[in-house]
């Protein structure tokens, strides 16, 4: 059997998709291929200039693409609320939400709402966004939520007593914990959707090692030129292209038969065709998922009331 590729994406005509962080890398490829398959795609990006540039580029690569740009800053919950309210005004439902945007191994910082940046952007921003868009997803037959995690989730389980790394900050451990949070979120969301009798599928994906600007962002931000050059070299020599890295996301989003709480990644772990991926046992811990969910509701003020009815 031939390996699954973007050519295998079923028609998405008549479907609406939101892709966060769609201005570059894996997010851009995901948005482009969904648009190529006929979806109406919302590029949800923090930077207006980069988002609008991506819009122009995508329309040039896919003539006739039905795509729009909408600003979304996952590091600011007021922006998340504004985006979700705007979506509700423009669309009665939502077929696909791809929680793609993320930051990696940044120096210690805080979001607009005071959360540690990696936990705040990678998990809490997407937790809030998904919750605010949940009524639209529940109204849409065959809807899916795909959340991007990483093989680096294996670096660490959560420290529930220090979710915002206030006692000690180690950038790679914090990144790993944010990616564990992504998987626990999908696990607990899947459980709650099933309990509510919903057909919405929540799944996770990871790109393996794909060449994007995620690897170089921290070094560039800190002015560490040697580290930045080393990561650029690794991207050229070792990594697979962003187009290949996006395949697990696209598979989780569109392939028939994707199960709730599935974790899709490259066949070889770091590259290859999409398939079911290994995940650490702590990402399947029901008690940990419930605890993270409760903390996320308290921190963001977003509650999934539509799943509690």
Protein backbone atom coordinates (compact mmCIF):
# COMPACT_ATOMS: atom_id res chain seq x y z
CA UNK A 1 0.00 0.00 0.00
CA UNK A 2 1.36 3.43 -0.96
CA UNK A 3 2.20 5.83 1.84
CA UNK A 4 -0.48 8.41 2.62
CA UNK A 5 0.18 11.84 1.07
CA UNK A 6 -1.55 15.18 0.56
CA UNK A 7 -3.04 13.77 -2.66
CA UNK A 8 -5.09 11.42 -0.48
CA UNK A 9 -6.94 14.22 1.32
CA UNK A 10 -10.68 13.75 0.69
CA UNK A 11 -12.60 16.66 -0.80
CA UNK A 12 -13.07 19.40 1.77
CA UNK A 13 -15.52 21.38 -0.34
CA UNK A 14 -18.20 22.99 1.77
CA UNK A 15 -16.15 22.66 4.96
CA UNK A 16 -14.70 25.44 7.11
CA UNK A 17 -11.30 25.09 8.79
CA UNK A 18 -9.42 27.30 11.27
CA UNK A 19 -5.64 26.81 11.39
CA UNK A 20 -3.67 28.66 14.06
CA UNK A 21 -0.14 29.78 13.22
CA UNK A 22 -0.89 29.40 9.53
CA UNK A 23 1.51 32.07 8.28
CA UNK A 24 4.56 29.77 8.03
CA UNK A 25 5.95 26.26 8.33
CA UNK A 26 3.63 23.37 9.09
CA UNK A 27 0.65 25.61 9.70
CA UNK A 28 0.98 27.26 6.30
CA UNK A 29 1.26 23.91 4.51
CA UNK A 30 -1.74 22.57 6.44
CA UNK A 31 -3.84 25.58 5.47
CA UNK A 32 -2.67 25.43 1.85
CA UNK A 33 -3.50 21.76 1.38
CA UNK A 34 -6.90 22.09 3.05
CA UNK A 35 -7.63 25.00 0.71
CA UNK A 36 -6.39 22.99 -2.26
CA UNK A 37 -8.91 20.30 -1.27
CA UNK A 38 -11.69 22.89 -1.38
CA UNK A 39 -12.10 24.02 2.24
CA UNK A 40 -12.81 27.58 3.31
CA UNK A 41 -9.72 28.19 5.45
CA UNK A 42 -9.18 30.84 8.12
CA UNK A 43 -5.52 31.71 8.66
CA UNK A 44 -5.45 32.57 12.37
CA UNK A 45 -2.13 34.33 13.00
CA UNK A 46 -0.64 36.71 15.57
CA UNK A 47 1.18 38.98 13.11
CA UNK A 48 -1.04 40.89 10.71
CA UNK A 49 1.80 41.55 8.25
CA UNK A 50 2.91 37.91 8.16
CA UNK A 51 -0.65 36.65 8.04
CA UNK A 52 -1.56 38.87 5.13
CA UNK A 53 1.67 37.94 3.32
CA UNK A 54 0.79 34.26 3.78
CA UNK A 55 -2.65 34.96 2.36
CA UNK A 56 -1.16 36.47 -0.78
CA UNK A 57 1.32 33.60 -1.16
CA UNK A 58 -1.34 30.93 -0.66
CA UNK A 59 -3.67 32.47 -3.22
CA UNK A 60 -0.81 32.54 -5.70
CA UNK A 61 0.01 28.87 -5.08
CA UNK A 62 -3.64 27.74 -5.11
CA UNK A 63 -5.55 29.95 -7.57
CA UNK A 64 -9.16 30.31 -6.51
CA UNK A 65 -8.43 29.28 -2.91
CA UNK A 66 -11.16 30.30 -0.45
CA UNK A 67 -8.97 31.70 2.33
CA UNK A 68 -9.11 34.64 4.73
CA UNK A 69 -6.82 36.01 7.42
CA UNK A 70 -8.02 36.77 10.95
CA UNK A 71 -5.77 38.04 13.76
CA UNK A 72 -5.31 35.74 16.74
CA UNK A 73 -2.74 36.12 19.53
CA UNK A 74 -2.75 33.01 21.71
CA UNK A 75 -0.63 34.85 24.27
CA UNK A 76 -3.55 37.21 24.99
CA UNK A 77 -6.89 35.76 26.07
CA UNK A 78 -8.70 38.94 25.05
CA UNK A 79 -7.52 38.29 21.48
CA UNK A 80 -8.69 34.67 21.72
CA UNK A 81 -12.14 35.81 22.87
CA UNK A 82 -12.34 38.42 20.11
CA UNK A 83 -11.41 35.85 17.45
CA UNK A 84 -13.99 33.35 18.69
CA UNK A 85 -16.73 35.98 18.85
CA UNK A 86 -15.90 37.06 15.30
CA UNK A 87 -16.08 33.48 14.08
CA UNK A 88 -19.51 33.06 15.67
CA UNK A 89 -20.70 36.18 13.83
CA UNK A 90 -19.45 34.94 10.46
CA UNK A 91 -20.00 31.17 10.59
CA UNK A 92 -22.82 29.04 12.02
CA UNK A 93 -20.52 26.06 12.50
CA UNK A 94 -16.94 24.83 12.26
CA UNK A 95 -15.78 21.60 10.63
CA UNK A 96 -12.13 21.63 11.58
CA UNK A 97 -9.96 23.37 14.16
CA UNK A 98 -6.21 22.79 13.85
CA UNK A 99 -4.41 23.98 17.00
CA UNK A 100 -1.05 24.29 15.27
CA UNK A 101 0.63 27.47 16.57
CA UNK A 102 3.35 27.15 19.18
CA UNK A 103 6.61 28.40 20.63
CA UNK A 104 9.63 26.32 21.60
CA UNK A 105 12.36 26.61 24.26
CA UNK A 106 12.05 30.37 24.71
CA UNK A 107 13.75 32.26 27.52
CA UNK A 108 11.45 32.75 30.49
CA UNK A 109 8.60 35.12 29.81
CA UNK A 110 4.93 35.68 30.52
CA UNK A 111 1.86 36.12 28.37
CA UNK A 112 -0.44 39.14 28.58
CA UNK A 113 -2.40 37.26 31.25
CA UNK A 114 0.65 36.35 33.33
CA UNK A 115 1.13 32.72 32.28
CA UNK A 116 4.57 31.23 31.52
CA UNK A 117 4.85 31.76 27.78
CA UNK A 118 5.22 28.18 26.55
CA UNK A 119 2.44 26.80 28.75
CA UNK A 120 0.31 29.87 28.04
CA UNK A 121 0.63 29.82 24.24
CA UNK A 122 0.98 26.11 23.52
CA UNK A 123 -1.71 24.90 25.89
CA UNK A 124 -3.83 27.55 27.61
CA UNK A 125 -4.41 29.68 24.51
CA UNK A 126 -5.59 26.65 22.55
CA UNK A 127 -7.62 25.34 25.49
CA UNK A 128 -9.49 28.65 25.60
CA UNK A 129 -9.88 28.85 21.82
CA UNK A 130 -11.25 25.31 21.56
CA UNK A 131 -13.68 25.91 24.40
CA UNK A 132 -14.99 29.13 22.90
CA UNK A 133 -15.41 27.47 19.48
CA UNK A 134 -16.90 24.26 20.91
CA UNK A 135 -20.55 25.27 20.31
CA UNK A 136 -19.77 25.72 16.60
CA UNK A 137 -17.94 22.39 16.47
CA UNK A 138 -20.80 20.58 18.21
CA UNK A 139 -23.26 21.97 15.66
CA UNK A 140 -21.24 20.54 12.76
CA UNK A 141 -21.53 16.94 11.67
CA UNK A 142 -18.14 15.25 11.33
CA UNK A 143 -16.20 18.04 13.06
CA UNK A 144 -12.65 17.47 14.29
CA UNK A 145 -10.16 19.20 16.58
CA UNK A 146 -6.49 18.46 15.89
CA UNK A 147 -3.90 19.66 18.41
CA UNK A 148 -0.17 19.67 17.64
CA UNK A 149 2.08 18.08 20.22
CA UNK A 150 5.68 16.89 19.86
CA UNK A 151 7.91 13.93 20.51
CA UNK A 152 9.53 16.22 23.08
CA UNK A 153 6.52 15.59 25.34
CA UNK A 154 8.61 12.63 26.51
CA UNK A 155 10.97 15.05 28.29
CA UNK A 156 8.62 15.49 31.21
CA UNK A 157 5.27 14.83 32.77
CA UNK A 158 3.42 17.85 34.16
CA UNK A 159 4.27 19.38 37.51
CA UNK A 160 0.72 20.12 38.63
CA UNK A 161 2.04 22.13 41.55
CA UNK A 162 4.01 24.47 39.29
CA UNK A 163 2.22 24.69 35.94
CA UNK A 164 3.59 28.18 35.29
CA UNK A 165 7.18 27.28 36.21
CA UNK A 166 7.32 29.84 38.99
CA UNK A 167 9.67 27.82 41.20
CA UNK A 168 12.15 26.79 38.52
CA UNK A 169 12.34 27.38 34.78
CA UNK A 170 14.22 25.10 32.40
CA UNK A 171 13.24 25.99 28.86
CA UNK A 172 13.32 22.49 27.34
CA UNK A 173 11.53 20.90 30.28
CA UNK A 174 8.92 23.66 30.09
CA UNK A 175 8.49 22.96 26.38
CA UNK A 176 8.12 19.23 27.01
CA UNK A 177 5.54 19.89 29.70
CA UNK A 178 3.53 22.14 27.38
CA UNK A 179 3.50 19.35 24.79
CA UNK A 180 2.44 16.84 27.45
CA UNK A 181 -0.36 19.28 28.29
CA UNK A 182 -1.45 19.20 24.63
CA UNK A 183 -1.79 15.41 24.73
CA UNK A 184 -3.54 15.38 28.10
CA UNK A 185 -5.95 18.01 26.80
CA UNK A 186 -6.82 15.84 23.80
CA UNK A 187 -7.21 12.81 26.07
CA UNK A 188 -9.57 14.57 28.47
CA UNK A 189 -11.47 16.37 25.68
CA UNK A 190 -12.04 13.02 23.97
CA UNK A 191 -13.40 11.56 27.19
CA UNK A 192 -15.78 14.49 27.70
CA UNK A 193 -17.00 14.45 24.10
CA UNK A 194 -17.77 10.75 24.40
CA UNK A 195 -19.60 11.29 27.69
CA UNK A 196 -21.70 13.99 26.03
CA UNK A 197 -22.57 11.66 23.15
CA UNK A 198 -20.86 13.94 20.63
CA UNK A 199 -19.41 12.77 17.32
CA UNK A 200 -16.70 15.45 17.35
CA UNK A 201 -13.27 13.78 17.12
CA UNK A 202 -10.36 15.23 19.09
CA UNK A 203 -6.97 13.93 17.95
CA UNK A 204 -3.32 14.94 18.23
CA UNK A 205 -0.41 14.98 15.81
CA UNK A 206 3.29 15.73 15.74
CA UNK A 207 5.53 16.55 12.76
CA UNK A 208 8.68 14.69 13.74
CA UNK A 209 11.70 16.83 12.89
CA UNK A 210 10.53 19.29 10.26
CA UNK A 211 12.42 22.32 9.01
CA UNK A 212 10.53 25.40 10.22
CA UNK A 213 11.38 28.67 11.95
CA UNK A 214 10.34 27.14 15.28
CA UNK A 215 13.84 25.78 15.86
CA UNK A 216 15.64 29.08 15.30
CA UNK A 217 13.20 31.51 16.96
CA UNK A 218 14.62 31.37 20.49
CA UNK A 219 18.26 31.71 19.40
CA UNK A 220 17.34 34.60 17.11
CA UNK A 221 15.37 36.32 19.87
CA UNK A 222 18.34 36.09 22.23
CA UNK A 223 20.95 37.05 19.64
CA UNK A 224 22.74 33.68 19.89
CA UNK A 225 24.02 33.62 16.32
CA UNK A 226 26.11 30.44 16.66
CA UNK A 227 23.12 28.49 17.99
CA UNK A 228 20.91 29.93 15.27
CA UNK A 229 23.36 28.89 12.54
CA UNK A 230 23.63 25.39 14.03
CA UNK A 231 19.87 24.96 13.97
CA UNK A 232 19.68 26.28 10.41
CA UNK A 233 22.30 23.69 9.37
CA UNK A 234 20.39 20.89 11.12
CA UNK A 235 17.22 21.98 9.35
CA UNK A 236 18.96 21.72 5.99
CA UNK A 237 20.79 18.45 6.60
CA UNK A 238 18.65 16.37 8.98
CA UNK A 239 15.09 17.63 9.00
CA UNK A 240 12.33 16.72 6.59
CA UNK A 241 10.65 19.60 4.74
CA UNK A 242 7.65 21.39 6.24
CA UNK A 243 5.43 19.82 3.57
CA UNK A 244 6.26 16.37 4.97
CA UNK A 245 5.99 17.56 8.56
CA UNK A 246 2.44 18.73 7.92
CA UNK A 247 1.23 15.30 6.77
CA UNK A 248 0.44 13.96 10.27
CA UNK A 249 -1.72 17.05 10.94
CA UNK A 250 -3.49 16.67 7.60
CA UNK A 251 -4.01 12.95 8.18
CA UNK A 252 -5.48 13.53 11.64
CA UNK A 253 -7.68 16.27 10.20
CA UNK A 254 -9.04 14.52 7.12
CA UNK A 255 -8.29 10.79 6.84
CA UNK A 256 -11.25 8.45 7.29
CA UNK A 257 -11.44 6.49 10.52
CA UNK A 258 -9.20 8.61 12.75
CA UNK A 259 -10.11 7.55 16.28
CA UNK A 260 -10.74 9.90 19.21
CA UNK A 261 -7.54 10.55 21.17
CA UNK A 262 -5.36 9.22 18.33
CA UNK A 263 -1.79 10.53 18.16
CA UNK A 264 -0.47 10.67 14.60
CA UNK A 265 3.19 11.15 13.71
CA UNK A 266 5.84 10.15 11.14
CA UNK A 267 6.41 6.44 10.71
CA UNK A 268 10.07 6.62 11.80
CA UNK A 269 9.39 9.01 14.68
CA UNK A 270 11.28 11.93 13.17
CA UNK A 271 10.30 11.52 9.49
CA UNK A 272 8.20 9.37 7.19
CA UNK A 273 4.57 8.84 6.24
CA UNK A 274 1.91 9.48 8.92
CA UNK A 275 0.84 6.67 11.23
CA UNK A 276 -0.14 6.08 14.86
CA UNK A 277 2.60 7.36 17.15
CA UNK A 278 4.03 6.26 20.49
CA UNK A 279 3.13 8.44 23.45
CA UNK A 280 4.23 8.47 27.08
CA UNK A 281 1.90 6.73 29.50
CA UNK A 282 1.39 9.89 31.54
CA UNK A 283 -0.47 11.46 28.60
CA UNK A 284 -3.21 8.83 29.05
CA UNK A 285 -3.69 9.35 32.79
CA UNK A 286 -7.36 10.17 33.44
CA UNK A 287 -6.74 11.77 36.84
CA UNK A 288 -3.96 13.96 35.48
CA UNK A 289 -6.16 15.00 32.54
CA UNK A 290 -9.02 15.96 34.85
CA UNK A 291 -6.65 17.93 37.07
CA UNK A 292 -5.16 19.82 34.12
CA UNK A 293 -8.65 20.53 32.77
CA UNK A 294 -9.82 22.02 36.08
CA UNK A 295 -6.67 24.16 36.35
CA UNK A 296 -7.04 25.33 32.74
CA UNK A 297 -10.64 26.38 33.33
CA UNK A 298 -9.61 28.33 36.43
CA UNK A 299 -6.66 30.02 34.74
CA UNK A 300 -8.44 31.00 31.51
CA UNK A 301 -11.97 31.49 32.80
CA UNK A 302 -13.21 29.37 29.87
CA UNK A 303 -15.61 26.54 30.69
CA UNK A 304 -16.93 23.99 28.23
CA UNK A 305 -20.54 24.44 29.33
CA UNK A 306 -21.84 22.80 26.15
CA UNK A 307 -20.20 19.51 27.24
CA UNK A 308 -21.60 19.71 30.76
CA UNK A 309 -25.26 19.84 29.79
